[in-house]
N, C-alpha and C. Protein backbone atom coordinates (compact mmCIF):
# COMPACT_ATOMS: atom_id res chain seq x y z
N MET A 1 0.82 -1.20 0.00
CA MET A 1 0.00 0.00 0.00
C MET A 1 0.86 1.25 0.00
N SER A 2 1.98 1.19 0.70
CA SER A 2 2.85 2.35 0.78
C SER A 2 3.50 2.67 -0.57
N ASN A 3 3.84 1.63 -1.34
CA ASN A 3 4.44 1.85 -2.66
C ASN A 3 3.45 2.51 -3.61
N LEU A 4 2.20 2.09 -3.55
CA LEU A 4 1.17 2.68 -4.40
C LEU A 4 0.97 4.15 -4.05
N LEU A 5 0.93 4.46 -2.78
CA LEU A 5 0.76 5.84 -2.36
C LEU A 5 1.95 6.70 -2.78
N THR A 6 3.14 6.15 -2.70
CA THR A 6 4.33 6.88 -3.13
C THR A 6 4.29 7.17 -4.63
N ILE A 7 3.88 6.19 -5.41
CA ILE A 7 3.76 6.37 -6.86
C ILE A 7 2.71 7.42 -7.18
N LEU A 8 1.59 7.38 -6.49
CA LEU A 8 0.54 8.37 -6.71
C LEU A 8 0.99 9.78 -6.35
N LEU A 9 1.72 9.91 -5.25
CA LEU A 9 2.21 11.23 -4.84
C LEU A 9 3.24 11.78 -5.82
N ILE A 10 4.12 10.93 -6.31
CA ILE A 10 5.11 11.38 -7.29
C ILE A 10 4.43 11.78 -8.60
N SER A 11 3.45 11.00 -9.01
CA SER A 11 2.73 11.36 -10.24
C SER A 11 1.93 12.65 -10.06
N GLN A 12 1.44 12.91 -8.87
CA GLN A 12 0.74 14.17 -8.61
C GLN A 12 1.70 15.35 -8.71
N ILE A 13 2.91 15.20 -8.22
CA ILE A 13 3.91 16.26 -8.31
C ILE A 13 4.27 16.52 -9.77
N VAL A 14 4.43 15.45 -10.55
CA VAL A 14 4.75 15.60 -11.97
C VAL A 14 3.63 16.32 -12.71
N VAL A 15 2.39 15.94 -12.42
CA VAL A 15 1.24 16.59 -13.06
C VAL A 15 1.17 18.07 -12.67
N CYS A 16 1.47 18.38 -11.41
CA CYS A 16 1.46 19.78 -10.96
C CYS A 16 2.51 20.61 -11.70
N VAL A 17 3.70 20.06 -11.87
CA VAL A 17 4.76 20.78 -12.58
C VAL A 17 4.37 20.99 -14.04
N LEU A 18 3.83 19.95 -14.68
CA LEU A 18 3.37 20.09 -16.06
C LEU A 18 2.24 21.11 -16.19
N LEU A 19 1.37 21.15 -15.21
CA LEU A 19 0.27 22.11 -15.23
C LEU A 19 0.78 23.54 -15.11
N VAL A 20 1.74 23.77 -14.25
CA VAL A 20 2.31 25.11 -14.11
C VAL A 20 2.99 25.53 -15.42
N ILE A 21 3.75 24.63 -16.03
CA ILE A 21 4.41 24.95 -17.29
C ILE A 21 3.39 25.22 -18.38
N SER A 22 2.34 24.42 -18.43
CA SER A 22 1.31 24.60 -19.44
C SER A 22 0.58 25.94 -19.27
N ILE A 23 0.34 26.33 -18.05
CA ILE A 23 -0.33 27.61 -17.80
C ILE A 23 0.59 28.78 -18.16
N LEU A 24 1.87 28.66 -17.83
CA LEU A 24 2.80 29.74 -18.14
C LEU A 24 3.01 29.92 -19.64
N LEU A 25 2.84 28.88 -20.41
CA LEU A 25 3.02 28.98 -21.86
C LEU A 25 1.79 29.47 -22.60
N GLN A 26 0.70 29.66 -21.91
CA GLN A 26 -0.52 30.16 -22.56
C GLN A 26 -0.29 31.58 -23.05
N ASN A 27 -0.85 31.92 -24.22
CA ASN A 27 -0.64 33.24 -24.81
C ASN A 27 -1.42 34.34 -24.12
N ARG A 28 -2.54 34.03 -23.53
CA ARG A 28 -3.36 35.07 -22.91
C ARG A 28 -2.72 35.63 -21.65
N ALA A 29 -1.98 34.81 -20.94
CA ALA A 29 -1.36 35.26 -19.70
C ALA A 29 -0.16 36.13 -20.02
N GLU A 30 0.33 36.80 -19.01
CA GLU A 30 1.50 37.63 -19.19
C GLU A 30 2.75 36.91 -18.73
N GLY A 31 2.71 35.60 -18.77
CA GLY A 31 3.86 34.81 -18.33
C GLY A 31 4.83 34.59 -19.48
N LEU A 32 5.23 33.36 -19.68
CA LEU A 32 6.20 33.06 -20.73
C LEU A 32 5.60 33.17 -22.13
N GLY A 33 4.27 33.12 -22.24
CA GLY A 33 3.64 33.23 -23.55
C GLY A 33 3.95 34.54 -24.24
N LYS A 34 4.05 35.61 -23.50
CA LYS A 34 4.37 36.91 -24.07
C LYS A 34 5.80 36.94 -24.60
N MET A 35 6.69 36.21 -23.94
CA MET A 35 8.08 36.17 -24.37
C MET A 35 8.21 35.47 -25.71
N PHE A 36 7.32 34.52 -26.00
CA PHE A 36 7.41 33.77 -27.24
C PHE A 36 6.53 34.37 -28.34
N GLY A 37 6.22 35.65 -28.25
CA GLY A 37 5.52 36.32 -29.33
C GLY A 37 4.03 36.46 -29.15
N GLY A 38 3.52 36.35 -27.95
CA GLY A 38 2.10 36.53 -27.71
C GLY A 38 1.72 37.99 -27.90
N GLY A 39 0.78 38.24 -28.78
CA GLY A 39 0.39 39.61 -29.07
C GLY A 39 -0.76 40.07 -28.22
N GLY A 40 -1.31 41.24 -28.56
CA GLY A 40 -2.40 41.80 -27.80
C GLY A 40 -3.75 41.57 -28.42
N GLU A 41 -3.88 40.61 -29.33
CA GLU A 41 -5.17 40.36 -29.97
C GLU A 41 -6.16 39.85 -28.93
N VAL A 42 -7.36 40.39 -28.97
CA VAL A 42 -8.36 40.01 -27.98
C VAL A 42 -9.25 38.89 -28.52
N PHE A 43 -9.75 39.05 -29.74
CA PHE A 43 -10.68 38.08 -30.31
C PHE A 43 -10.01 37.34 -31.45
N ARG A 44 -9.71 36.08 -31.23
CA ARG A 44 -9.16 35.24 -32.29
C ARG A 44 -9.36 33.79 -31.90
N THR A 45 -9.21 32.93 -32.86
CA THR A 45 -9.40 31.50 -32.59
C THR A 45 -8.07 30.87 -32.20
N LYS A 46 -8.17 29.79 -31.45
CA LYS A 46 -6.97 29.07 -31.05
C LYS A 46 -6.57 28.12 -32.17
N ARG A 47 -5.28 28.11 -32.48
CA ARG A 47 -4.79 27.23 -33.54
C ARG A 47 -3.47 26.62 -33.11
N GLY A 48 -3.19 25.45 -33.61
CA GLY A 48 -1.90 24.83 -33.43
C GLY A 48 -1.52 24.56 -31.98
N LEU A 49 -0.36 25.07 -31.61
CA LEU A 49 0.19 24.83 -30.28
C LEU A 49 -0.69 25.45 -29.20
N GLU A 50 -1.27 26.60 -29.48
CA GLU A 50 -2.13 27.26 -28.50
C GLU A 50 -3.36 26.41 -28.18
N LYS A 51 -3.94 25.81 -29.20
CA LYS A 51 -5.10 24.94 -29.00
C LYS A 51 -4.71 23.69 -28.23
N PHE A 52 -3.54 23.12 -28.57
CA PHE A 52 -3.04 21.95 -27.86
C PHE A 52 -2.81 22.27 -26.39
N LEU A 53 -2.17 23.41 -26.09
CA LEU A 53 -1.91 23.79 -24.70
C LEU A 53 -3.20 24.00 -23.93
N TYR A 54 -4.20 24.57 -24.58
CA TYR A 54 -5.49 24.81 -23.94
C TYR A 54 -6.13 23.49 -23.51
N TYR A 55 -6.21 22.53 -24.43
CA TYR A 55 -6.82 21.24 -24.10
C TYR A 55 -5.94 20.41 -23.18
N PHE A 56 -4.62 20.53 -23.33
CA PHE A 56 -3.70 19.81 -22.45
C PHE A 56 -3.81 20.32 -21.02
N THR A 57 -4.03 21.62 -20.85
CA THR A 57 -4.21 22.19 -19.52
C THR A 57 -5.49 21.66 -18.87
N ILE A 58 -6.56 21.59 -19.63
CA ILE A 58 -7.81 21.04 -19.11
C ILE A 58 -7.64 19.57 -18.73
N PHE A 59 -6.95 18.82 -19.58
CA PHE A 59 -6.68 17.41 -19.29
C PHE A 59 -5.87 17.26 -18.01
N LEU A 60 -4.85 18.09 -17.83
CA LEU A 60 -4.02 18.01 -16.63
C LEU A 60 -4.81 18.37 -15.37
N ILE A 61 -5.73 19.30 -15.47
CA ILE A 61 -6.56 19.67 -14.32
C ILE A 61 -7.44 18.49 -13.92
N VAL A 62 -8.03 17.82 -14.91
CA VAL A 62 -8.88 16.66 -14.61
C VAL A 62 -8.05 15.54 -13.99
N VAL A 63 -6.86 15.29 -14.54
CA VAL A 63 -5.98 14.25 -13.98
C VAL A 63 -5.57 14.60 -12.56
N LEU A 64 -5.26 15.87 -12.31
CA LEU A 64 -4.86 16.29 -10.97
C LEU A 64 -5.99 16.10 -9.95
N VAL A 65 -7.21 16.42 -10.33
CA VAL A 65 -8.35 16.23 -9.44
C VAL A 65 -8.57 14.74 -9.16
N LEU A 66 -8.50 13.93 -10.21
CA LEU A 66 -8.69 12.49 -10.02
C LEU A 66 -7.58 11.88 -9.15
N LEU A 67 -6.35 12.29 -9.38
CA LEU A 67 -5.25 11.81 -8.55
C LEU A 67 -5.45 12.22 -7.09
N SER A 68 -5.89 13.43 -6.88
CA SER A 68 -6.11 13.90 -5.51
C SER A 68 -7.19 13.09 -4.81
N ILE A 69 -8.25 12.76 -5.54
CA ILE A 69 -9.32 11.95 -4.94
C ILE A 69 -8.83 10.54 -4.63
N VAL A 70 -8.05 9.95 -5.54
CA VAL A 70 -7.53 8.61 -5.31
C VAL A 70 -6.56 8.60 -4.13
N ILE A 71 -5.71 9.62 -4.04
CA ILE A 71 -4.77 9.71 -2.91
C ILE A 71 -5.53 9.86 -1.60
N LEU A 72 -6.57 10.66 -1.61
CA LEU A 72 -7.39 10.82 -0.41
C LEU A 72 -8.03 9.50 0.01
N LYS A 73 -8.49 8.74 -0.97
CA LYS A 73 -9.13 7.45 -0.69
C LYS A 73 -8.13 6.47 -0.08
N TYR A 74 -6.93 6.41 -0.64
CA TYR A 74 -5.95 5.43 -0.16
C TYR A 74 -5.21 5.86 1.11
N SER A 75 -5.21 7.14 1.39
CA SER A 75 -4.49 7.59 2.59
C SER A 75 -5.36 7.51 3.85
N ALA A 76 -6.66 7.44 3.67
CA ALA A 76 -7.55 7.39 4.84
C ALA A 76 -7.67 6.00 5.42
């Protein structure tokens, strides 16, 4: 049981780091996205890497919530 909990906790940390990187690379934020050429356009469609980052961020949030629930279940 302890090995499973350790694996889940490490995977949660990895997902958190990936989520932070994914959020910082978004073009709308003033983080790293602006450094890579993010402009001031307000209304436009998401294409290419921006669309991938958007859906990847949502996927990571869902995975993080599910991991947290599973860790809570196994730690109690």
